[in-house]
C-alpha atoms as a PDB file:
ATOM      1  CA  MET A   1      28.460 -68.200 -22.705  1.00  0.00           C
ATOM      2  CA  SER A   2      27.016 -68.829 -19.247  1.00  0.00           C
ATOM      3  CA  ALA A   3      28.337 -71.267 -16.717  1.00  0.00           C
ATOM      4  CA  ALA A   4      26.077 -74.037 -15.534  1.00  0.00           C
ATOM      5  CA  PRO A   5      24.433 -73.445 -12.149  1.00  0.00           C
ATOM      6  CA  GLY A   6      26.731 -74.528  -9.374  1.00  0.00           C
ATOM      7  CA  ALA A   7      29.816 -74.621 -11.633  1.00  0.00           C
ATOM      8  CA  THR A   8      33.084 -73.508 -10.137  1.00  0.00           C
ATOM      9  CA  SER A   9      35.502 -71.017 -11.546  1.00  0.00           C
ATOM     10  CA  HIS A  10      38.465 -68.976 -10.401  1.00  0.00           C
ATOM     11  CA  ARG A  11      39.152 -65.285 -10.448  1.00  0.00           C
ATOM     12  CA  PRO A  12      41.467 -64.252 -13.345  1.00  0.00           C
ATOM     13  CA  THR A  13      44.959 -63.322 -12.123  1.00  0.00           C
ATOM     14  CA  GLY A  14      45.187 -60.088 -14.103  1.00  0.00           C
ATOM     15  CA  THR A  15      42.055 -58.446 -12.716  1.00  0.00           C
ATOM     16  CA  GLY A  16      41.412 -56.351  -9.629  1.00  0.00           C
ATOM     17  CA  GLY A  17      44.525 -56.131  -7.467  1.00  0.00           C
ATOM     18  CA  GLY A  18      46.255 -58.374  -9.963  1.00  0.00           C
ATOM     19  CA  ARG A  19      46.553 -55.393 -12.306  1.00  0.00           C
ATOM     20  CA  LEU A  20      48.943 -53.731  -9.881  1.00  0.00           C
ATOM     21  CA  LEU A  21      50.898 -56.975  -9.530  1.00  0.00           C
ATOM     22  CA  VAL A  22      51.150 -57.301 -13.327  1.00  0.00           C
ATOM     23  CA  ALA A  23      52.282 -53.661 -13.558  1.00  0.00           C
ATOM     24  CA  VAL A  24      55.053 -54.196 -10.990  1.00  0.00           C
ATOM     25  CA  TYR A  25      56.155 -57.361 -12.786  1.00  0.00           C
ATOM     26  CA  GLY A  26      56.132 -55.454 -16.076  1.00  0.00           C
ATOM     27  CA  VAL A  27      58.328 -52.642 -14.755  1.00  0.00           C
ATOM     28  CA  LEU A  28      60.753 -55.137 -13.228  1.00  0.00           C
ATOM     29  CA  ALA A  29      60.734 -57.142 -16.477  1.00  0.00           C
ATOM     30  CA  LEU A  30      61.747 -54.083 -18.484  1.00  0.00           C
ATOM     31  CA  ALA A  31      64.396 -52.970 -15.983  1.00  0.00           C
ATOM     32  CA  ALA A  32      65.956 -56.396 -15.474  1.00  0.00           C
ATOM     33  CA  THR A  33      65.909 -57.376 -19.150  1.00  0.00           C
ATOM     34  CA  ALA A  34      67.413 -54.069 -20.268  1.00  0.00           C
ATOM     35  CA  ARG A  35      70.104 -54.284 -17.615  1.00  0.00           C
ATOM     36  CA  GLY A  36      70.864 -57.918 -18.429  1.00  0.00           C
ATOM     37  CA  LEU A  37      71.072 -57.262 -22.174  1.00  0.00           C
ATOM     38  CA  TYR A  38      73.398 -54.317 -21.598  1.00  0.00           C
ATOM     39  CA  GLN A  39      75.635 -56.279 -19.214  1.00  0.00           C
ATOM     40  CA  VAL A  40      75.835 -59.366 -21.432  1.00  0.00           C
ATOM     41  CA  GLY A  41      76.325 -57.274 -24.562  1.00  0.00           C
ATOM     42  CA  THR A  42      79.034 -54.952 -23.250  1.00  0.00           C
ATOM     43  CA  LYS A  43      80.954 -56.549 -20.389  1.00  0.00           C
ATOM     44  CA  LEU A  44      80.203 -60.266 -20.193  1.00  0.00           C
ATOM     45  CA  ASP A  45      83.884 -61.120 -19.661  1.00  0.00           C
ATOM     46  CA  GLU A  46      83.987 -59.114 -16.395  1.00  0.00           C
ATOM     47  CA  ALA A  47      81.370 -61.125 -14.500  1.00  0.00           C
ATOM     48  CA  PRO A  48      79.771 -63.786 -16.717  1.00  0.00           C
ATOM     49  CA  VAL A  49      77.812 -65.569 -13.976  1.00  0.00           C
ATOM     50  CA  ALA A  50      76.320 -62.367 -12.607  1.00  0.00           C
ATOM     51  CA  TYR A  51      75.424 -60.909 -15.993  1.00  0.00           C
ATOM     52  CA  VAL A  52      73.884 -64.059 -17.398  1.00  0.00           C
ATOM     53  CA  LEU A  53      71.819 -64.374 -14.208  1.00  0.00           C
ATOM     54  CA  SER A  54      70.628 -60.774 -14.661  1.00  0.00           C
ATOM     55  CA  LEU A  55      69.411 -61.626 -18.138  1.00  0.00           C
ATOM     56  CA  VAL A  56      67.785 -64.866 -16.932  1.00  0.00           C
ATOM     57  CA  ALA A  57      65.991 -62.907 -14.203  1.00  0.00           C
ATOM     58  CA  GLY A  58      64.732 -60.418 -16.774  1.00  0.00           C
ATOM     59  CA  ILE A  59      63.374 -63.182 -18.981  1.00  0.00           C
ATOM     60  CA  VAL A  60      61.688 -64.817 -15.985  1.00  0.00           C
ATOM     61  CA  TYR A  61      59.992 -61.498 -15.146  1.00  0.00           C
ATOM     62  CA  VAL A  62      58.829 -61.074 -18.765  1.00  0.00           C
ATOM     63  CA  VAL A  63      57.288 -64.556 -18.839  1.00  0.00           C
ATOM     64  CA  ALA A  64      55.731 -64.108 -15.384  1.00  0.00           C
ATOM     65  CA  THR A  65      54.211 -60.779 -16.474  1.00  0.00           C
ATOM     66  CA  PHE A  66      52.527 -62.333 -19.511  1.00  0.00           C
ATOM     67  CA  ALA A  67      51.450 -65.409 -17.539  1.00  0.00           C
ATOM     68  CA  LEU A  68      49.826 -63.327 -14.792  1.00  0.00           C
ATOM     69  CA  ALA A  69      48.249 -60.859 -17.214  1.00  0.00           C
ATOM     70  CA  GLY A  70      46.815 -63.645 -19.367  1.00  0.00           C
ATOM     71  CA  ASP A  71      45.672 -65.923 -16.523  1.00  0.00           C
ATOM     72  CA  ARG A  72      48.050 -68.672 -17.614  1.00  0.00           C
ATOM     73  CA  ARG A  73      48.113 -70.171 -14.151  1.00  0.00           C
ATOM     74  CA  THR A  74      50.430 -73.153 -14.686  1.00  0.00           C
ATOM     75  CA  LEU A  75      53.048 -70.965 -16.357  1.00  0.00           C
ATOM     76  CA  ALA A  76      52.616 -68.296 -13.679  1.00  0.00           C
ATOM     77  CA  TRP A  77      53.128 -70.838 -10.865  1.00  0.00           C
ATOM     78  CA  ALA A  78      56.263 -72.141 -12.596  1.00  0.00           C
ATOM     79  CA  THR A  79      57.845 -68.749 -13.294  1.00  0.00           C
ATOM     80  CA  VAL A  80      56.999 -67.160  -9.953  1.00  0.00           C
ATOM     81  CA  GLY A  81      58.219 -70.294  -8.155  1.00  0.00           C
ATOM     82  CA  PHE A  82      61.451 -70.226 -10.199  1.00  0.00           C
ATOM     83  CA  GLU A  83      61.800 -66.544  -9.365  1.00  0.00           C
ATOM     84  CA  LEU A  84      61.495 -67.255  -5.634  1.00  0.00           C
ATOM     85  CA  VAL A  85      64.130 -69.994  -5.759  1.00  0.00           C
ATOM     86  CA  GLY A  86      66.361 -67.786  -7.907  1.00  0.00           C
ATOM     87  CA  VAL A  87      66.270 -64.761  -5.643  1.00  0.00           C
ATOM     88  CA  LEU A  88      66.856 -66.879  -2.530  1.00  0.00           C
ATOM     89  CA  VAL A  89      69.713 -68.939  -4.007  1.00  0.00           C
ATOM     90  CA  VAL A  90      71.428 -66.136  -5.937  1.00  0.00           C
ATOM     91  CA  GLY A  91      70.843 -63.679  -3.103  1.00  0.00           C
ATOM     92  CA  THR A  92      72.416 -66.011  -0.558  1.00  0.00           C
ATOM     93  CA  LEU A  93      75.340 -66.993  -2.800  1.00  0.00           C
ATOM     94  CA  SER A  94      76.061 -63.362  -3.634  1.00  0.00           C
ATOM     95  CA  MET A  95      76.454 -62.595   0.064  1.00  0.00           C
ATOM     96  CA  VAL A  96      78.509 -65.720   0.835  1.00  0.00           C
ATOM     97  CA  ASP A  97      80.741 -65.911  -2.264  1.00  0.00           C
ATOM     98  CA  VAL A  98      81.251 -62.375  -3.505  1.00  0.00           C
ATOM     99  CA  GLY A  99      83.864 -63.564  -6.039  1.00  0.00           C
ATOM    100  CA  ASP A 100      81.243 -64.860  -8.478  1.00  0.00           C
ATOM    101  CA  PHE A 101      79.209 -61.666  -8.105  1.00  0.00           C
ATOM    102  CA  PRO A 102      81.626 -58.746  -8.484  1.00  0.00           C
ATOM    103  CA  ASP A 103      78.796 -56.613  -9.856  1.00  0.00           C
ATOM    104  CA  GLU A 104      75.118 -56.300  -9.009  1.00  0.00           C
ATOM    105  CA  THR A 105      72.399 -58.500 -10.466  1.00  0.00           C
ATOM    106  CA  VAL A 106      68.659 -58.209  -9.980  1.00  0.00           C
ATOM    107  CA  TRP A 107      68.697 -61.029  -7.451  1.00  0.00           C
ATOM    108  CA  SER A 108      72.071 -60.358  -5.772  1.00  0.00           C
ATOM    109  CA  ARG A 109      71.946 -59.537  -2.070  1.00  0.00           C
ATOM    110  CA  LEU A 110      68.273 -60.593  -2.176  1.00  0.00           C
ATOM    111  CA  GLY A 111      67.376 -57.757  -4.535  1.00  0.00           C
ATOM    112  CA  ALA A 112      68.909 -54.980  -2.420  1.00  0.00           C
ATOM    113  CA  GLY A 113      69.712 -52.918  -5.531  1.00  0.00           C
ATOM    114  CA  TYR A 114      66.011 -52.893  -6.409  1.00  0.00           C
ATOM    115  CA  GLY A 115      64.731 -52.030  -2.937  1.00  0.00           C
ATOM    116  CA  TYR A 116      64.193 -55.717  -2.082  1.00  0.00           C
ATOM    117  CA  VAL A 117      61.249 -55.810  -4.485  1.00  0.00           C
ATOM    118  CA  PRO A 118      62.699 -58.980  -6.098  1.00  0.00           C
ATOM    119  CA  LEU A 119      62.587 -60.672  -2.679  1.00  0.00           C
ATOM    120  CA  VAL A 120      59.030 -59.631  -1.796  1.00  0.00           C
ATOM    121  CA  LEU A 121      57.451 -59.946  -5.253  1.00  0.00           C
ATOM    122  CA  PRO A 122      57.449 -63.750  -5.605  1.00  0.00           C
ATOM    123  CA  PHE A 123      55.820 -64.143  -2.196  1.00  0.00           C
ATOM    124  CA  VAL A 124      53.100 -61.687  -3.231  1.00  0.00           C
ATOM    125  CA  GLY A 125      52.787 -63.419  -6.617  1.00  0.00           C
ATOM    126  CA  LEU A 126      52.384 -66.878  -5.084  1.00  0.00           C
ATOM    127  CA  TRP A 127      49.883 -65.528  -2.559  1.00  0.00           C
ATOM    128  CA  TRP A 128      47.890 -63.919  -5.392  1.00  0.00           C
ATOM    129  CA  LEU A 129      47.916 -67.113  -7.452  1.00  0.00           C
ATOM    130  CA  ARG A 130      46.661 -69.081  -4.470  1.00  0.00           C
ATOM    131  CA  ARG A 131      44.026 -66.495  -3.589  1.00  0.00           C
ATOM    132  CA  THR A 132      42.653 -66.178  -7.117  1.00  0.00           C
ATOM    133  CA  GLY A 133      42.802 -69.917  -7.712  1.00  0.00           C
ATOM    134  CA  ARG A 134      40.238 -70.749  -5.067  1.00  0.00           C
ATOM    135  CA  PRO A 135      37.083 -71.967  -6.738  1.00  0.00           C
ATOM    136  CA  THR A 136      34.042 -69.747  -6.512  1.00  0.00           C
ATOM    137  CA  THR A 137      30.545 -70.999  -7.192  1.00  0.00           C
ATOM    138  CA  VAL A 138      29.010 -69.449 -10.268  1.00  0.00           C
ATOM    139  CA  ASP A 139      25.231 -69.225 -10.247  1.00  0.00           C
ATOM    140  CA  ALA A 140      24.004 -68.480 -13.778  1.00  0.00           C
ATOM    141  CA  ARG A 141      20.324 -68.712 -12.885  1.00  0.00           C
ATOM    142  CA  PRO A 142      18.361 -65.475 -13.159  1.00  0.00           C
ATOM    143  CA  PRO A 143      17.272 -64.009  -9.822  1.00  0.00           C
ATOM    144  CA  SER A 144      13.941 -65.211  -8.485  1.00  0.00           C
ATOM    145  CA  PRO A 145      11.054 -62.793  -8.917  1.00  0.00           C
ATOM    146  CA  PRO A 146       9.857 -61.104  -5.756  1.00  0.00           C
ATOM    147  CA  PRO A 147       7.002 -62.877  -3.978  1.00  0.00           C
ATOM    148  CA  ALA A 148       3.523 -61.836  -4.985  1.00  0.00           C
ATOM    149  CA  VAL A 149       1.821 -59.548  -2.529  1.00  0.00           C
ATOM    150  CA  GLY A 150      -1.747 -59.820  -2.065  1.00  0.00           C
END
Protein backbone atom coordinates (compact mmCIF):
# COMPACT_ATOMS: atom_id res chain seq x y z
CA MET A 1 0.00 0.00 0.00
CA SER A 2 1.46 3.34 -1.06
CA ALA A 3 1.18 6.57 0.83
CA ALA A 4 -0.51 9.50 -0.84
CA PRO A 5 1.86 12.10 -2.31
CA GLY A 6 2.88 14.57 0.33
CA ALA A 7 1.72 12.34 3.22
CA THR A 8 3.80 12.36 6.35
CA SER A 9 5.14 9.39 8.21
CA HIS A 10 7.71 8.63 10.87
CA ARG A 11 10.66 6.32 10.93
CA PRO A 12 9.94 3.05 12.82
CA THR A 13 11.73 2.91 16.19
CA GLY A 14 13.11 -0.59 15.73
CA THR A 15 14.97 0.04 12.47
CA GLY A 16 18.44 1.36 11.72
CA GLY A 17 20.19 2.46 14.90
CA GLY A 18 17.07 1.52 16.79
CA ARG A 19 18.04 -2.14 16.42
CA LEU A 20 21.03 -1.57 18.67
CA LEU A 21 18.85 0.30 21.16
CA VAL A 22 16.32 -2.56 21.18
CA ALA A 23 19.16 -5.06 21.67
CA VAL A 24 20.54 -3.15 24.67
CA TYR A 25 17.05 -2.89 26.15
CA GLY A 26 16.57 -6.62 25.57
CA VAL A 27 19.79 -7.57 27.36
CA LEU A 28 18.95 -5.28 30.27
CA ALA A 29 15.40 -6.67 30.35
CA LEU A 30 16.70 -10.22 30.69
CA ALA A 31 19.33 -9.31 33.29
CA ALA A 32 17.06 -7.14 35.43
CA THR A 33 14.06 -9.48 35.28
CA ALA A 34 16.14 -12.55 36.13
CA ARG A 35 17.81 -10.74 39.00
CA GLY A 36 14.51 -9.37 40.30
CA LEU A 37 12.78 -12.77 40.12
CA TYR A 38 15.67 -14.41 41.95
CA GLN A 39 15.76 -11.72 44.66
CA VAL A 40 11.99 -11.70 45.20
CA GLY A 41 11.80 -15.49 45.11
CA THR A 42 14.67 -16.24 47.48
CA LYS A 43 15.31 -13.34 49.84
CA LEU A 44 12.42 -10.88 49.74
CA ASP A 45 12.39 -10.54 53.54
CA GLU A 46 15.96 -9.14 53.55
CA ALA A 47 15.28 -6.04 51.45
CA PRO A 48 11.69 -5.98 50.16
CA VAL A 49 11.76 -2.45 48.73
CA ALA A 50 14.99 -3.01 46.83
CA TYR A 51 14.02 -6.41 45.46
CA VAL A 52 10.54 -5.43 44.36
CA LEU A 53 12.03 -2.38 42.62
CA SER A 54 14.50 -4.67 40.82
CA LEU A 55 11.62 -6.74 39.51
CA VAL A 56 9.63 -3.62 38.54
CA ALA A 57 12.67 -2.32 36.65
CA GLY A 58 12.98 -5.62 34.80
CA ILE A 59 9.34 -5.53 33.77
CA VAL A 60 9.70 -1.93 32.60
CA TYR A 61 12.69 -2.94 30.44
CA VAL A 62 10.73 -5.88 28.96
CA VAL A 63 7.79 -3.65 28.02
CA ALA A 64 10.09 -0.92 26.67
CA THR A 65 11.94 -3.50 24.54
CA PHE A 66 8.72 -4.73 22.92
CA ALA A 67 7.38 -1.19 22.52
CA LEU A 68 10.54 0.03 20.78
CA ALA A 69 10.90 -3.09 18.64
CA GLY A 70 7.26 -2.94 17.53
CA ASP A 71 7.07 0.84 17.00
CA ARG A 72 4.45 1.21 19.71
CA ARG A 73 5.36 4.83 20.28
CA THR A 74 2.88 5.79 23.02
CA LEU A 75 3.84 2.76 25.10
CA ALA A 76 7.53 3.39 24.43
CA TRP A 77 7.26 7.03 25.56
CA ALA A 78 5.46 5.93 28.74
CA THR A 79 7.87 3.13 29.68
CA VAL A 80 11.07 4.98 28.82
CA GLY A 81 9.78 8.05 30.68
CA PHE A 82 8.89 5.88 33.69
CA GLU A 83 12.34 4.32 33.49
CA LEU A 84 14.00 7.75 33.58
CA VAL A 85 11.99 8.84 36.62
CA GLY A 86 12.64 5.49 38.28
CA VAL A 87 16.40 5.52 37.86
CA LEU A 88 16.65 9.14 39.01
CA VAL A 89 14.39 8.73 42.06
CA VAL A 90 15.59 5.28 43.14
CA GLY A 91 19.20 6.18 42.36
CA THR A 92 19.03 9.32 44.48
CA LEU A 93 17.16 7.65 47.35
CA SER A 94 19.59 4.74 47.40
CA MET A 95 22.47 7.16 47.93
CA VAL A 96 20.64 9.28 50.53
CA ASP A 97 18.82 6.58 52.52
CA VAL A 98 20.92 3.44 52.35
CA GLY A 99 18.68 1.71 54.93
CA ASP A 100 15.94 0.95 52.39
CA PHE A 101 18.52 -0.30 49.88
CA PRO A 102 20.82 -2.70 51.74
CA ASP A 103 21.43 -4.60 48.51
CA GLU A 104 21.86 -3.52 44.90
CA THR A 105 18.99 -2.96 42.49
CA VAL A 106 19.18 -2.15 38.80
CA TRP A 107 18.48 1.51 39.49
CA SER A 108 20.33 1.91 42.82
CA ARG A 109 23.20 4.39 42.83
CA LEU A 110 21.97 5.51 39.39
CA GLY A 111 22.72 2.11 37.86
CA ALA A 112 26.33 1.92 39.06
CA GLY A 113 26.15 -1.89 39.28
CA TYR A 114 25.31 -2.02 35.57
CA GLY A 115 27.98 0.44 34.42
CA TYR A 116 25.53 3.37 34.57
CA VAL A 117 23.74 1.98 31.51
CA PRO A 118 20.39 2.33 33.35
CA LEU A 119 21.10 6.06 33.77
CA VAL A 120 22.14 6.71 30.16
CA LEU A 121 19.66 4.40 28.41
CA PRO A 122 16.44 6.36 29.02
CA PHE A 123 18.04 9.55 27.73
CA VAL A 124 19.12 7.72 24.57
CA GLY A 125 15.67 6.10 24.30
CA LEU A 126 13.82 9.41 24.60
CA TRP A 127 16.19 11.02 22.10
CA TRP A 128 15.58 8.14 19.66
CA LEU A 129 11.81 8.38 20.07
CA ARG A 130 11.94 12.10 19.38
CA ARG A 131 14.28 11.70 16.42
CA THR A 132 12.28 8.93 14.76
CA GLY A 133 8.97 10.63 15.49
CA ARG A 134 9.68 13.63 13.30
CA PRO A 135 7.43 13.52 10.28
CA THR A 136 9.05 12.87 6.93
CA THR A 137 7.34 13.62 3.65
CA VAL A 138 6.57 10.52 1.66
CA ASP A 139 6.42 11.00 -2.09
CA ALA A 140 4.77 7.96 -3.68
CA ARG A 141 4.80 9.39 -7.19
CA PRO A 142 7.02 7.58 -9.68
CA PRO A 143 10.10 9.54 -10.75
CA SER A 144 9.66 11.83 -13.73
CA PRO A 145 11.06 10.53 -17.01
CA PRO A 146 14.20 12.24 -18.23
CA PRO A 147 13.61 15.14 -20.61
CA ALA A 148 13.52 14.28 -24.28
CA VAL A 149 16.66 15.16 -26.16
CA GLY A 150 16.41 16.25 -29.59
